[in-house]
Amino acid sequence: LDQPAWRLGDAAPATVTVRFDPDYASLARSRASSEEAVVRADGSVDIEFSVTNWDALRSFVLEFLEHAEVLSPPSARERFIFELMPFVGDPNG
């Protein structure tokens, strides 16, 4: 395949920005090489994913565990948190 899995869906394209910690930035950039990336001063990297397959992006991000954070859009961040709640519990108690 010439496209990453997160682009192999039928959903309307959405741009999702994910930040990867400095220790994982190089790996994330190499695995998402077709996406725009901005290296930050602290060594972390923000990658903008063009997404048509949410499940594939979620799987990719989860491989990095706490070393990745969905930043935007807010709807994507909220969806990611909502989908993880059954596995991590309510952080508010």
C-alpha atoms as a PDB file:
ATOM      1  CA  LEU A   1       0.000   0.000   0.000  1.00  0.00           C
ATOM      2  CA  ASP A   2       1.216   3.470  -0.770  1.00  0.00           C
ATOM      3  CA  GLN A   3      -0.925   5.136   1.919  1.00  0.00           C
ATOM      4  CA  PRO A   4      -0.755   4.806   5.692  1.00  0.00           C
ATOM      5  CA  ALA A   5      -3.649   3.003   7.359  1.00  0.00           C
ATOM      6  CA  TRP A   6      -5.157   6.207   8.808  1.00  0.00           C
ATOM      7  CA  ARG A   7      -5.816   7.350   5.212  1.00  0.00           C
ATOM      8  CA  LEU A   8      -7.544   4.119   4.143  1.00  0.00           C
ATOM      9  CA  GLY A   9     -11.079   4.881   5.210  1.00  0.00           C
ATOM     10  CA  ASP A  10     -14.327   6.256   3.909  1.00  0.00           C
ATOM     11  CA  ALA A  11     -14.777   9.091   6.399  1.00  0.00           C
ATOM     12  CA  ALA A  12     -14.467  12.711   5.363  1.00  0.00           C
ATOM     13  CA  PRO A  13     -10.809  13.759   5.682  1.00  0.00           C
ATOM     14  CA  ALA A  14      -9.893  15.437   8.964  1.00  0.00           C
ATOM     15  CA  THR A  15      -6.621  16.923  10.143  1.00  0.00           C
ATOM     16  CA  VAL A  16      -5.568  15.686  13.582  1.00  0.00           C
ATOM     17  CA  THR A  17      -2.489  17.008  15.367  1.00  0.00           C
ATOM     18  CA  VAL A  18      -0.628  14.704  17.749  1.00  0.00           C
ATOM     19  CA  ARG A  19       2.386  15.621  19.899  1.00  0.00           C
ATOM     20  CA  PHE A  20       5.052  12.989  20.556  1.00  0.00           C
ATOM     21  CA  ASP A  21       7.548  13.222  23.412  1.00  0.00           C
ATOM     22  CA  PRO A  22      11.197  13.964  22.566  1.00  0.00           C
ATOM     23  CA  ASP A  23      12.345  10.380  23.189  1.00  0.00           C
ATOM     24  CA  TYR A  24       9.781   9.100  20.655  1.00  0.00           C
ATOM     25  CA  ALA A  25       9.791  11.971  18.163  1.00  0.00           C
ATOM     26  CA  SER A  26      12.215  10.352  15.735  1.00  0.00           C
ATOM     27  CA  LEU A  27      10.307   7.068  15.682  1.00  0.00           C
ATOM     28  CA  ALA A  28       6.973   8.833  15.219  1.00  0.00           C
ATOM     29  CA  ARG A  29       8.347  10.961  12.385  1.00  0.00           C
ATOM     30  CA  SER A  30       9.794   7.939  10.587  1.00  0.00           C
ATOM     31  CA  ARG A  31       6.560   5.953  10.902  1.00  0.00           C
ATOM     32  CA  ALA A  32       4.427   8.920   9.794  1.00  0.00           C
ATOM     33  CA  SER A  33       6.842  10.174   7.164  1.00  0.00           C
ATOM     34  CA  SER A  34       4.079  11.178   4.746  1.00  0.00           C
ATOM     35  CA  GLU A  35       2.638  13.672   7.256  1.00  0.00           C
ATOM     36  CA  GLU A  36       3.623  17.255   8.109  1.00  0.00           C
ATOM     37  CA  ALA A  37       5.778  17.468  11.218  1.00  0.00           C
ATOM     38  CA  VAL A  38       7.000  20.383  13.319  1.00  0.00           C
ATOM     39  CA  VAL A  39       9.904  19.787  15.678  1.00  0.00           C
ATOM     40  CA  ARG A  40       9.564  21.864  18.839  1.00  0.00           C
ATOM     41  CA  ALA A  41      12.365  23.471  20.825  1.00  0.00           C
ATOM     42  CA  ASP A  42      12.170  20.774  23.530  1.00  0.00           C
ATOM     43  CA  GLY A  43      12.654  17.995  20.943  1.00  0.00           C
ATOM     44  CA  SER A  44       9.033  16.891  20.871  1.00  0.00           C
ATOM     45  CA  VAL A  45       7.274  16.790  17.523  1.00  0.00           C
ATOM     46  CA  ASP A  46       3.776  17.777  16.436  1.00  0.00           C
ATOM     47  CA  ILE A  47       2.542  15.727  13.502  1.00  0.00           C
ATOM     48  CA  GLU A  48      -0.535  16.660  11.474  1.00  0.00           C
ATOM     49  CA  PHE A  49      -2.314  13.543  10.258  1.00  0.00           C
ATOM     50  CA  SER A  50      -4.753  13.587   7.362  1.00  0.00           C
ATOM     51  CA  VAL A  51      -7.249  11.031   8.654  1.00  0.00           C
ATOM     52  CA  THR A  52     -10.063   9.104   6.976  1.00  0.00           C
ATOM     53  CA  ASN A  53      -9.782   6.024   9.236  1.00  0.00           C
ATOM     54  CA  TRP A  54     -10.040   6.988  12.919  1.00  0.00           C
ATOM     55  CA  ASP A  55      -9.491   3.438  14.221  1.00  0.00           C
ATOM     56  CA  ALA A  56      -6.143   3.198  12.428  1.00  0.00           C
ATOM     57  CA  LEU A  57      -4.959   6.543  13.821  1.00  0.00           C
ATOM     58  CA  ARG A  58      -6.074   5.558  17.319  1.00  0.00           C
ATOM     59  CA  SER A  59      -4.092   2.309  17.056  1.00  0.00           C
ATOM     60  CA  PHE A  60      -1.021   4.197  15.868  1.00  0.00           C
ATOM     61  CA  VAL A  61      -1.205   6.741  18.699  1.00  0.00           C
ATOM     62  CA  LEU A  62      -1.817   4.070  21.350  1.00  0.00           C
ATOM     63  CA  GLU A  63       1.441   2.360  20.402  1.00  0.00           C
ATOM     64  CA  PHE A  64       3.182   5.356  22.009  1.00  0.00           C
ATOM     65  CA  LEU A  65       1.115   5.154  25.228  1.00  0.00           C
ATOM     66  CA  GLU A  66       1.638   8.230  27.419  1.00  0.00           C
ATOM     67  CA  HIS A  67       4.315   9.559  25.062  1.00  0.00           C
ATOM     68  CA  ALA A  68       1.702  10.833  22.579  1.00  0.00           C
ATOM     69  CA  GLU A  69      -1.092  13.361  23.040  1.00  0.00           C
ATOM     70  CA  VAL A  70      -3.875  14.274  20.635  1.00  0.00           C
ATOM     71  CA  LEU A  71      -3.895  18.074  20.579  1.00  0.00           C
ATOM     72  CA  SER A  72      -6.464  19.114  18.003  1.00  0.00           C
ATOM     73  CA  PRO A  73      -9.071  19.505  16.879  1.00  0.00           C
ATOM     74  CA  PRO A  74     -10.870  19.483  20.226  1.00  0.00           C
ATOM     75  CA  SER A  75     -13.432  16.998  18.887  1.00  0.00           C
ATOM     76  CA  ALA A  76     -10.665  14.481  18.092  1.00  0.00           C
ATOM     77  CA  ARG A  77      -9.061  14.976  21.509  1.00  0.00           C
ATOM     78  CA  GLU A  78     -12.422  14.486  23.238  1.00  0.00           C
ATOM     79  CA  ARG A  79     -13.183  11.393  21.164  1.00  0.00           C
ATOM     80  CA  PHE A  80      -9.804   9.884  21.993  1.00  0.00           C
ATOM     81  CA  ILE A  81     -10.291  10.513  25.720  1.00  0.00           C
ATOM     82  CA  PHE A  82     -13.866   9.179  25.619  1.00  0.00           C
ATOM     83  CA  GLU A  83     -12.779   5.972  23.906  1.00  0.00           C
ATOM     84  CA  LEU A  84     -10.022   5.401  26.471  1.00  0.00           C
ATOM     85  CA  MET A  85     -12.159   5.997  29.579  1.00  0.00           C
ATOM     86  CA  PRO A  86     -13.303   2.355  29.920  1.00  0.00           C
ATOM     87  CA  PHE A  87      -9.653   1.299  30.108  1.00  0.00           C
ATOM     88  CA  VAL A  88      -8.198   3.946  32.429  1.00  0.00           C
ATOM     89  CA  GLY A  89     -11.133   4.968  34.585  1.00  0.00           C
ATOM     90  CA  ASP A  90     -12.349   8.436  35.465  1.00  0.00           C
ATOM     91  CA  PRO A  91      -9.382  10.737  36.212  1.00  0.00           C
ATOM     92  CA  ASN A  92     -11.679  12.901  38.378  1.00  0.00           C
ATOM     93  CA  GLY A  93     -12.376  10.205  40.866  1.00  0.00           C
END
